[in-house]
């Protein structure tokens, strides 16, 4: 559901050193999204994550493909593991949410965890592997037929929503961007989400840094699929939304939409 930044960074640095004036001009033409980006017209392309990212937290998106005949057993094991790490103050891990996919890849579960940047992730990972939480994690494995994880930053213009209970469904939209288009995507979607927010409050927006690269995700919550349909239709009446959709098709190689329902223990539900 959810591809190396090093090569793109090196390539950007090489071009910048040979044609600095041209590159600065290109960067300045793109950086007009978040407040951080507005103040950074003279920085190089490789600093894009500092320009568009909030920087304070790392969000891990875990994707579990579960055996169809073991879904209920998996849910019990997952609740034990995720509630356990959330309640362990040594880990300093915040559980953003836990969901089951109902439209999209079936028998697939999505878990989003929040860490205090990479140092917090390193610390939590070491503690989990050396504690009782490791046994709880292993208890989920017999029910899985596949799993993946991805580390993401939040977009600065849209911090992740705090825990709440509103009910309904969640939509996770994932985009595979063309390499080098993140800054332009940020600018485009900052305007687009601002428009959409008049009808529905977004849950969060993230871009990948480790794992499957050049991906962005954003999540929305609706009472039901009918309300989602009506809300999306209303969005076309807003200034800037059509431009956002058109630009997105130019910047992305592919896109996916998944409908999720929260698990009983999910902080976002």
C-alpha atoms as a PDB file:
ATOM      1  CA  UNK A   1       0.000   0.000   0.000  1.00  0.00           C
ATOM      2  CA  UNK A   2       2.673   2.222   0.760  1.00  0.00           C
ATOM      3  CA  UNK A   3      10.436   3.560  -2.948  1.00  0.00           C
ATOM      4  CA  UNK A   4      16.742   6.162  -2.654  1.00  0.00           C
ATOM      5  CA  UNK A   5      16.730   9.676  -1.507  1.00  0.00           C
ATOM      6  CA  UNK A   6      20.547   9.647  -1.381  1.00  0.00           C
ATOM      7  CA  UNK A   7      20.904   9.420  -5.149  1.00  0.00           C
ATOM      8  CA  UNK A   8      18.453  12.249  -5.701  1.00  0.00           C
ATOM      9  CA  UNK A   9      20.204  14.393  -3.102  1.00  0.00           C
ATOM     10  CA  UNK A  10      23.606  13.779  -4.708  1.00  0.00           C
ATOM     11  CA  UNK A  11      22.251  14.566  -8.160  1.00  0.00           C
ATOM     12  CA  UNK A  12      20.638  17.769  -6.919  1.00  0.00           C
ATOM     13  CA  UNK A  13      23.878  18.863  -5.246  1.00  0.00           C
ATOM     14  CA  UNK A  14      25.893  18.201  -8.414  1.00  0.00           C
ATOM     15  CA  UNK A  15      23.537  20.255 -10.562  1.00  0.00           C
ATOM     16  CA  UNK A  16      23.442  23.024  -7.980  1.00  0.00           C
ATOM     17  CA  UNK A  17      27.224  23.312  -7.943  1.00  0.00           C
ATOM     18  CA  UNK A  18      27.439  23.580 -11.742  1.00  0.00           C
ATOM     19  CA  UNK A  19      24.509  25.967 -12.301  1.00  0.00           C
ATOM     20  CA  UNK A  20      23.812  27.622  -8.939  1.00  0.00           C
ATOM     21  CA  UNK A  21      21.989  30.682 -10.256  1.00  0.00           C
ATOM     22  CA  UNK A  22      19.630  28.631 -12.375  1.00  0.00           C
ATOM     23  CA  UNK A  23      18.841  26.219  -9.535  1.00  0.00           C
ATOM     24  CA  UNK A  24      18.227  28.965  -7.017  1.00  0.00           C
ATOM     25  CA  UNK A  25      15.824  30.521  -9.501  1.00  0.00           C
ATOM     26  CA  UNK A  26      13.974  27.222  -9.920  1.00  0.00           C
ATOM     27  CA  UNK A  27      13.771  26.675  -6.170  1.00  0.00           C
ATOM     28  CA  UNK A  28      12.523  30.196  -5.564  1.00  0.00           C
ATOM     29  CA  UNK A  29       9.810  29.690  -8.166  1.00  0.00           C
ATOM     30  CA  UNK A  30       8.530  26.643  -6.294  1.00  0.00           C
ATOM     31  CA  UNK A  31       8.887  27.563  -2.637  1.00  0.00           C
ATOM     32  CA  UNK A  32       5.738  29.409  -1.855  1.00  0.00           C
ATOM     33  CA  UNK A  33       3.781  26.849   0.144  1.00  0.00           C
ATOM     34  CA  UNK A  34       4.399  26.544   3.865  1.00  0.00           C
ATOM     35  CA  UNK A  35       5.729  29.459   5.978  1.00  0.00           C
ATOM     36  CA  UNK A  36       9.017  27.599   6.340  1.00  0.00           C
ATOM     37  CA  UNK A  37       9.336  27.387   2.570  1.00  0.00           C
ATOM     38  CA  UNK A  38       8.709  31.100   2.048  1.00  0.00           C
ATOM     39  CA  UNK A  39      11.811  31.974   4.081  1.00  0.00           C
ATOM     40  CA  UNK A  40      14.073  29.504   2.302  1.00  0.00           C
ATOM     41  CA  UNK A  41      14.504  30.668  -1.273  1.00  0.00           C
ATOM     42  CA  UNK A  42      18.286  30.376  -1.132  1.00  0.00           C
ATOM     43  CA  UNK A  43      18.505  26.769   0.101  1.00  0.00           C
ATOM     44  CA  UNK A  44      19.320  23.764  -2.065  1.00  0.00           C
ATOM     45  CA  UNK A  45      16.927  21.093  -3.300  1.00  0.00           C
ATOM     46  CA  UNK A  46      18.211  18.437  -0.892  1.00  0.00           C
ATOM     47  CA  UNK A  47      16.761  20.375   2.039  1.00  0.00           C
ATOM     48  CA  UNK A  48      13.205  19.761   0.829  1.00  0.00           C
ATOM     49  CA  UNK A  49      12.170  17.825   3.932  1.00  0.00           C
ATOM     50  CA  UNK A  50      13.123  20.796   6.109  1.00  0.00           C
ATOM     51  CA  UNK A  51      11.083  23.079   3.896  1.00  0.00           C
ATOM     52  CA  UNK A  52       7.836  21.151   3.804  1.00  0.00           C
ATOM     53  CA  UNK A  53       8.059  18.960   6.922  1.00  0.00           C
ATOM     54  CA  UNK A  54       7.050  19.791  10.440  1.00  0.00           C
ATOM     55  CA  UNK A  55      10.226  18.051  11.620  1.00  0.00           C
ATOM     56  CA  UNK A  56       9.221  17.426  15.233  1.00  0.00           C
ATOM     57  CA  UNK A  57       7.851  13.915  14.803  1.00  0.00           C
ATOM     58  CA  UNK A  58       8.337  10.778  12.744  1.00  0.00           C
ATOM     59  CA  UNK A  59       5.262   8.773  11.818  1.00  0.00           C
ATOM     60  CA  UNK A  60       5.592   5.086  11.066  1.00  0.00           C
ATOM     61  CA  UNK A  61       2.972   3.596   8.758  1.00  0.00           C
ATOM     62  CA  UNK A  62       2.772  -0.139   9.341  1.00  0.00           C
ATOM     63  CA  UNK A  63       0.880  -2.316   6.890  1.00  0.00           C
ATOM     64  CA  UNK A  64      -0.115  -5.856   7.842  1.00  0.00           C
ATOM     65  CA  UNK A  65      -1.633  -8.356   5.398  1.00  0.00           C
ATOM     66  CA  UNK A  66      -3.521 -10.886   7.500  1.00  0.00           C
ATOM     67  CA  UNK A  67      -4.588 -14.430   6.680  1.00  0.00           C
ATOM     68  CA  UNK A  68      -8.330 -14.292   5.942  1.00  0.00           C
ATOM     69  CA  UNK A  69      -9.108 -17.117   8.365  1.00  0.00           C
ATOM     70  CA  UNK A  70      -7.108 -15.481  11.194  1.00  0.00           C
ATOM     71  CA  UNK A  71      -8.505 -11.942  11.240  1.00  0.00           C
ATOM     72  CA  UNK A  72     -10.193 -12.165  14.640  1.00  0.00           C
ATOM     73  CA  UNK A  73      -7.146 -13.767  16.275  1.00  0.00           C
ATOM     74  CA  UNK A  74      -4.966 -11.068  14.728  1.00  0.00           C
ATOM     75  CA  UNK A  75      -7.161  -8.265  16.085  1.00  0.00           C
ATOM     76  CA  UNK A  76      -6.804  -9.585  19.641  1.00  0.00           C
ATOM     77  CA  UNK A  77      -3.023  -9.938  19.306  1.00  0.00           C
ATOM     78  CA  UNK A  78      -2.726  -6.482  17.719  1.00  0.00           C
ATOM     79  CA  UNK A  79      -4.711  -4.876  20.528  1.00  0.00           C
ATOM     80  CA  UNK A  80      -2.424  -6.447  23.115  1.00  0.00           C
ATOM     81  CA  UNK A  81       0.729  -5.235  21.332  1.00  0.00           C
ATOM     82  CA  UNK A  82      -0.304  -1.706  20.363  1.00  0.00           C
ATOM     83  CA  UNK A  83      -2.058  -0.892  23.630  1.00  0.00           C
ATOM     84  CA  UNK A  84       0.980  -2.232  25.451  1.00  0.00           C
ATOM     85  CA  UNK A  85       3.507   0.000  23.719  1.00  0.00           C
ATOM     86  CA  UNK A  86       1.182   2.993  23.990  1.00  0.00           C
ATOM     87  CA  UNK A  87       0.880   2.631  27.764  1.00  0.00           C
ATOM     88  CA  UNK A  88       4.625   2.094  28.338  1.00  0.00           C
ATOM     89  CA  UNK A  89       5.941   5.567  29.204  1.00  0.00           C
ATOM     90  CA  UNK A  90       9.542   4.443  28.655  1.00  0.00           C
ATOM     91  CA  UNK A  91       8.901   4.222  24.921  1.00  0.00           C
ATOM     92  CA  UNK A  92       7.381   7.702  24.461  1.00  0.00           C
ATOM     93  CA  UNK A  93       5.347   6.315  21.560  1.00  0.00           C
ATOM     94  CA  UNK A  94       2.003   7.827  20.650  1.00  0.00           C
ATOM     95  CA  UNK A  95      -0.510   5.671  18.846  1.00  0.00           C
ATOM     96  CA  UNK A  96      -2.106   7.784  16.130  1.00  0.00           C
ATOM     97  CA  UNK A  97      -4.567   5.184  14.908  1.00  0.00           C
ATOM     98  CA  UNK A  98      -5.309   1.597  13.905  1.00  0.00           C
ATOM     99  CA  UNK A  99      -7.570   0.597  11.029  1.00  0.00           C
ATOM    100  CA  UNK A 100      -8.893  -2.283   8.956  1.00  0.00           C
ATOM    101  CA  UNK A 101      -9.248  -1.827   5.188  1.00  0.00           C
ATOM    102  CA  UNK A 102     -12.790  -2.423   3.945  1.00  0.00           C
ATOM    103  CA  UNK A 103     -12.368  -1.067   0.376  1.00  0.00           C
ATOM    104  CA  UNK A 104      -8.999  -1.743  -1.229  1.00  0.00           C
ATOM    105  CA  UNK A 105      -6.611  -4.535  -0.244  1.00  0.00           C
ATOM    106  CA  UNK A 106      -8.780  -6.860   1.838  1.00  0.00           C
ATOM    107  CA  UNK A 107      -7.644  -8.317   5.172  1.00  0.00           C
ATOM    108  CA  UNK A 108      -5.139  -5.441   5.430  1.00  0.00           C
ATOM    109  CA  UNK A 109      -4.574  -3.448   8.604  1.00  0.00           C
ATOM    110  CA  UNK A 110      -2.933  -0.035   8.891  1.00  0.00           C
ATOM    111  CA  UNK A 111      -1.247   1.226  12.064  1.00  0.00           C
ATOM    112  CA  UNK A 112       0.248   4.719  12.438  1.00  0.00           C
ATOM    113  CA  UNK A 113       2.648   5.398  15.318  1.00  0.00           C
ATOM    114  CA  UNK A 114       4.259   8.695  16.310  1.00  0.00           C
ATOM    115  CA  UNK A 115       7.844   9.035  17.600  1.00  0.00           C
ATOM    116  CA  UNK A 116       9.826  12.054  18.749  1.00  0.00           C
ATOM    117  CA  UNK A 117      11.963  12.203  15.605  1.00  0.00           C
ATOM    118  CA  UNK A 118      14.517   9.538  14.681  1.00  0.00           C
ATOM    119  CA  UNK A 119      16.189   9.520  18.102  1.00  0.00           C
ATOM    120  CA  UNK A 120      12.837   8.633  19.630  1.00  0.00           C
ATOM    121  CA  UNK A 121      12.294   5.910  17.067  1.00  0.00           C
ATOM    122  CA  UNK A 122      15.756   4.409  17.746  1.00  0.00           C
ATOM    123  CA  UNK A 123      15.136   4.423  21.493  1.00  0.00           C
ATOM    124  CA  UNK A 124      11.676   2.883  21.243  1.00  0.00           C
ATOM    125  CA  UNK A 125      12.828   0.179  18.832  1.00  0.00           C
ATOM    126  CA  UNK A 126      15.671  -0.873  21.136  1.00  0.00           C
ATOM    127  CA  UNK A 127      13.365  -1.004  24.167  1.00  0.00           C
ATOM    128  CA  UNK A 128      10.686  -2.999  22.376  1.00  0.00           C
ATOM    129  CA  UNK A 129      13.200  -5.611  21.239  1.00  0.00           C
ATOM    130  CA  UNK A 130      14.508  -6.056  24.787  1.00  0.00           C
ATOM    131  CA  UNK A 131      11.181  -6.152  26.643  1.00  0.00           C
ATOM    132  CA  UNK A 132       7.931  -8.030  26.960  1.00  0.00           C
ATOM    133  CA  UNK A 133       6.595  -6.080  23.982  1.00  0.00           C
ATOM    134  CA  UNK A 134       8.767  -8.193  21.690  1.00  0.00           C
ATOM    135  CA  UNK A 135       6.821 -11.300  22.697  1.00  0.00           C
ATOM    136  CA  UNK A 136       3.547  -9.476  22.094  1.00  0.00           C
ATOM    137  CA  UNK A 137       4.734  -8.483  18.629  1.00  0.00           C
ATOM    138  CA  UNK A 138       5.800 -12.037  17.822  1.00  0.00           C
ATOM    139  CA  UNK A 139       2.345 -13.231  18.833  1.00  0.00           C
ATOM    140  CA  UNK A 140       0.904 -11.398  15.794  1.00  0.00           C
ATOM    141  CA  UNK A 141       3.260 -12.990  13.268  1.00  0.00           C
ATOM    142  CA  UNK A 142       1.551 -16.390  12.828  1.00  0.00           C
ATOM    143  CA  UNK A 143      -1.540 -14.565  11.569  1.00  0.00           C
ATOM    144  CA  UNK A 144       0.309 -12.532   8.918  1.00  0.00           C
ATOM    145  CA  UNK A 145       1.010 -13.298   5.280  1.00  0.00           C
ATOM    146  CA  UNK A 146       2.915 -10.041   4.685  1.00  0.00           C
ATOM    147  CA  UNK A 147       3.971  -6.795   6.377  1.00  0.00           C
ATOM    148  CA  UNK A 148       5.729  -3.541   5.541  1.00  0.00           C
ATOM    149  CA  UNK A 149       6.644  -0.297   7.270  1.00  0.00           C
ATOM    150  CA  UNK A 150       7.497   3.223   6.186  1.00  0.00           C
ATOM    151  CA  UNK A 151       8.848   6.233   8.104  1.00  0.00           C
ATOM    152  CA  UNK A 152       7.236   9.561   7.257  1.00  0.00           C
ATOM    153  CA  UNK A 153       7.293  13.218   8.240  1.00  0.00           C
ATOM    154  CA  UNK A 154       4.237  15.390   8.608  1.00  0.00           C
ATOM    155  CA  UNK A 155       3.691  18.203   6.174  1.00  0.00           C
ATOM    156  CA  UNK A 156       4.144  21.457   8.080  1.00  0.00           C
ATOM    157  CA  UNK A 157       0.811  22.822   6.877  1.00  0.00           C
ATOM    158  CA  UNK A 158      -1.156  19.911   8.350  1.00  0.00           C
ATOM    159  CA  UNK A 159      -0.212  18.455  11.773  1.00  0.00           C
ATOM    160  CA  UNK A 160      -1.763  15.086  12.583  1.00  0.00           C
ATOM    161  CA  UNK A 161      -5.098  15.296  14.383  1.00  0.00           C
ATOM    162  CA  UNK A 162      -5.150  14.503  18.126  1.00  0.00           C
ATOM    163  CA  UNK A 163      -7.164  11.508  19.406  1.00  0.00           C
ATOM    164  CA  UNK A 164     -10.914  11.873  18.989  1.00  0.00           C
ATOM    165  CA  UNK A 165     -14.041   9.759  18.612  1.00  0.00           C
ATOM    166  CA  UNK A 166     -16.237  10.928  15.744  1.00  0.00           C
ATOM    167  CA  UNK A 167     -17.196   7.584  14.233  1.00  0.00           C
ATOM    168  CA  UNK A 168     -17.627   6.775  10.555  1.00  0.00           C
ATOM    169  CA  UNK A 169     -14.992   5.862   8.017  1.00  0.00           C
ATOM    170  CA  UNK A 170     -11.489   7.017   7.129  1.00  0.00           C
ATOM    171  CA  UNK A 171     -10.065   7.471   3.646  1.00  0.00           C
ATOM    172  CA  UNK A 172      -6.313   7.034   3.176  1.00  0.00           C
ATOM    173  CA  UNK A 173      -5.116   8.431  -0.156  1.00  0.00           C
ATOM    174  CA  UNK A 174      -1.591   7.526  -1.277  1.00  0.00           C
ATOM    175  CA  UNK A 175       0.323   9.089  -4.200  1.00  0.00           C
ATOM    176  CA  UNK A 176       3.477   7.867  -5.913  1.00  0.00           C
ATOM    177  CA  UNK A 177       5.146  11.135  -6.924  1.00  0.00           C
ATOM    178  CA  UNK A 178       7.545  11.732  -9.757  1.00  0.00           C
ATOM    179  CA  UNK A 179      11.026  12.112  -8.177  1.00  0.00           C
ATOM    180  CA  UNK A 180      11.816  15.754  -7.464  1.00  0.00           C
ATOM    181  CA  UNK A 181       8.207  16.954  -7.366  1.00  0.00           C
ATOM    182  CA  UNK A 182       7.643  17.032  -3.585  1.00  0.00           C
ATOM    183  CA  UNK A 183       7.989  20.803  -3.196  1.00  0.00           C
ATOM    184  CA  UNK A 184       5.542  21.473  -5.978  1.00  0.00           C
ATOM    185  CA  UNK A 185       3.128  18.917  -4.565  1.00  0.00           C
ATOM    186  CA  UNK A 186       3.322  20.610  -1.162  1.00  0.00           C
ATOM    187  CA  UNK A 187       2.462  23.957  -2.656  1.00  0.00           C
ATOM    188  CA  UNK A 188      -0.399  22.545  -4.692  1.00  0.00           C
ATOM    189  CA  UNK A 189      -1.938  20.540  -1.899  1.00  0.00           C
ATOM    190  CA  UNK A 190      -1.536  23.191   0.766  1.00  0.00           C
ATOM    191  CA  UNK A 191      -3.995  25.227  -1.274  1.00  0.00           C
ATOM    192  CA  UNK A 192      -6.155  22.230  -2.067  1.00  0.00           C
ATOM    193  CA  UNK A 193      -6.480  21.031   1.516  1.00  0.00           C
ATOM    194  CA  UNK A 194      -7.253  24.576   2.616  1.00  0.00           C
ATOM    195  CA  UNK A 195     -10.181  24.535   0.205  1.00  0.00           C
ATOM    196  CA  UNK A 196     -11.370  21.037   1.119  1.00  0.00           C
ATOM    197  CA  UNK A 197     -11.183  21.846   4.826  1.00  0.00           C
ATOM    198  CA  UNK A 198     -14.201  24.107   4.396  1.00  0.00           C
ATOM    199  CA  UNK A 199     -16.269  20.933   4.092  1.00  0.00           C
ATOM    200  CA  UNK A 200     -14.313  18.289   6.002  1.00  0.00           C
ATOM    201  CA  UNK A 201     -11.425  18.372   8.486  1.00  0.00           C
ATOM    202  CA  UNK A 202      -8.355  16.396   7.317  1.00  0.00           C
ATOM    203  CA  UNK A 203      -6.774  13.931   9.729  1.00  0.00           C
ATOM    204  CA  UNK A 204      -3.169  14.345   8.544  1.00  0.00           C
ATOM    205  CA  UNK A 205      -0.722  14.434   5.623  1.00  0.00           C
ATOM    206  CA  UNK A 206       2.685  12.755   5.466  1.00  0.00           C
ATOM    207  CA  UNK A 207       5.591  12.206   3.036  1.00  0.00           C
ATOM    208  CA  UNK A 208       7.909   9.192   3.066  1.00  0.00           C
ATOM    209  CA  UNK A 209      11.548   9.384   4.110  1.00  0.00           C
ATOM    210  CA  UNK A 210      12.530   5.739   4.728  1.00  0.00           C
ATOM    211  CA  UNK A 211      10.985   2.737   3.010  1.00  0.00           C
ATOM    212  CA  UNK A 212       8.954   3.221  -0.154  1.00  0.00           C
ATOM    213  CA  UNK A 213      10.199   6.644  -1.322  1.00  0.00           C
ATOM    214  CA  UNK A 214       8.557   9.510  -3.240  1.00  0.00           C
ATOM    215  CA  UNK A 215       5.205   8.788  -1.632  1.00  0.00           C
ATOM    216  CA  UNK A 216       2.744  11.096   0.065  1.00  0.00           C
ATOM    217  CA  UNK A 217      -0.343  10.166   2.046  1.00  0.00           C
ATOM    218  CA  UNK A 218      -3.252  12.113   3.391  1.00  0.00           C
ATOM    219  CA  UNK A 219      -6.218  10.939   5.433  1.00  0.00           C
ATOM    220  CA  UNK A 220      -9.811  12.153   5.812  1.00  0.00           C
ATOM    221  CA  UNK A 221     -12.706  11.139   8.034  1.00  0.00           C
ATOM    222  CA  UNK A 222     -16.374  11.011   6.987  1.00  0.00           C
ATOM    223  CA  UNK A 223     -19.574   9.791   8.633  1.00  0.00           C
ATOM    224  CA  UNK A 224     -20.138   7.393   5.717  1.00  0.00           C
ATOM    225  CA  UNK A 225     -19.401   6.843   2.024  1.00  0.00           C
ATOM    226  CA  UNK A 226     -22.457   8.834   0.914  1.00  0.00           C
ATOM    227  CA  UNK A 227     -21.226  11.893   2.832  1.00  0.00           C
ATOM    228  CA  UNK A 228     -17.790  11.394   1.281  1.00  0.00           C
ATOM    229  CA  UNK A 229     -19.367  11.463  -2.181  1.00  0.00           C
ATOM    230  CA  UNK A 230     -21.341  14.638  -1.423  1.00  0.00           C
ATOM    231  CA  UNK A 231     -18.322  16.348   0.150  1.00  0.00           C
ATOM    232  CA  UNK A 232     -16.106  15.630  -2.841  1.00  0.00           C
ATOM    233  CA  UNK A 233     -18.776  16.975  -5.190  1.00  0.00           C
ATOM    234  CA  UNK A 234     -19.022  20.193  -3.155  1.00  0.00           C
ATOM    235  CA  UNK A 235     -15.240  20.605  -3.355  1.00  0.00           C
ATOM    236  CA  UNK A 236     -15.482  21.160  -7.122  1.00  0.00           C
ATOM    237  CA  UNK A 237     -17.405  24.352  -6.405  1.00  0.00           C
ATOM    238  CA  UNK A 238     -14.463  25.810  -4.470  1.00  0.00           C
ATOM    239  CA  UNK A 239     -11.862  28.052  -6.065  1.00  0.00           C
ATOM    240  CA  UNK A 240      -8.575  26.226  -6.507  1.00  0.00           C
ATOM    241  CA  UNK A 241      -9.810  22.640  -6.148  1.00  0.00           C
ATOM    242  CA  UNK A 242      -9.953  21.880  -9.886  1.00  0.00           C
ATOM    243  CA  UNK A 243      -6.421  23.282 -10.230  1.00  0.00           C
ATOM    244  CA  UNK A 244      -5.227  21.046  -7.386  1.00  0.00           C
ATOM    245  CA  UNK A 245      -6.688  17.932  -9.007  1.00  0.00           C
ATOM    246  CA  UNK A 246      -5.245  18.833 -12.413  1.00  0.00           C
ATOM    247  CA  UNK A 247      -1.784  19.520 -10.987  1.00  0.00           C
ATOM    248  CA  UNK A 248      -1.843  16.308  -8.957  1.00  0.00           C
ATOM    249  CA  UNK A 249      -2.294  14.236 -12.113  1.00  0.00           C
ATOM    250  CA  UNK A 250       0.836  15.875 -13.542  1.00  0.00           C
ATOM    251  CA  UNK A 251       2.973  15.305 -10.439  1.00  0.00           C
ATOM    252  CA  UNK A 252       1.967  11.734  -9.578  1.00  0.00           C
ATOM    253  CA  UNK A 253       2.755   8.497 -11.380  1.00  0.00           C
ATOM    254  CA  UNK A 254      -0.051   6.673  -9.577  1.00  0.00           C
ATOM    255  CA  UNK A 255      -2.552   7.139  -6.774  1.00  0.00           C
ATOM    256  CA  UNK A 256      -4.666   4.919  -4.537  1.00  0.00           C
ATOM    257  CA  UNK A 257      -7.668   5.394  -2.288  1.00  0.00           C
ATOM    258  CA  UNK A 258      -8.421   3.036   0.619  1.00  0.00           C
ATOM    259  CA  UNK A 259     -11.486   3.096   2.855  1.00  0.00           C
ATOM    260  CA  UNK A 260     -10.732   2.133   6.445  1.00  0.00           C
ATOM    261  CA  UNK A 261     -12.669   1.519   9.648  1.00  0.00           C
ATOM    262  CA  UNK A 262     -10.998   2.070  13.029  1.00  0.00           C
ATOM    263  CA  UNK A 263     -10.272  -0.826  15.344  1.00  0.00           C
ATOM    264  CA  UNK A 264     -11.867  -0.735  18.779  1.00  0.00           C
ATOM    265  CA  UNK A 265      -8.674   0.448  20.490  1.00  0.00           C
ATOM    266  CA  UNK A 266      -7.713   3.113  17.912  1.00  0.00           C
ATOM    267  CA  UNK A 267      -7.203   6.607  19.419  1.00  0.00           C
ATOM    268  CA  UNK A 268      -8.649   8.041  16.199  1.00  0.00           C
ATOM    269  CA  UNK A 269     -12.083   6.556  15.739  1.00  0.00           C
END
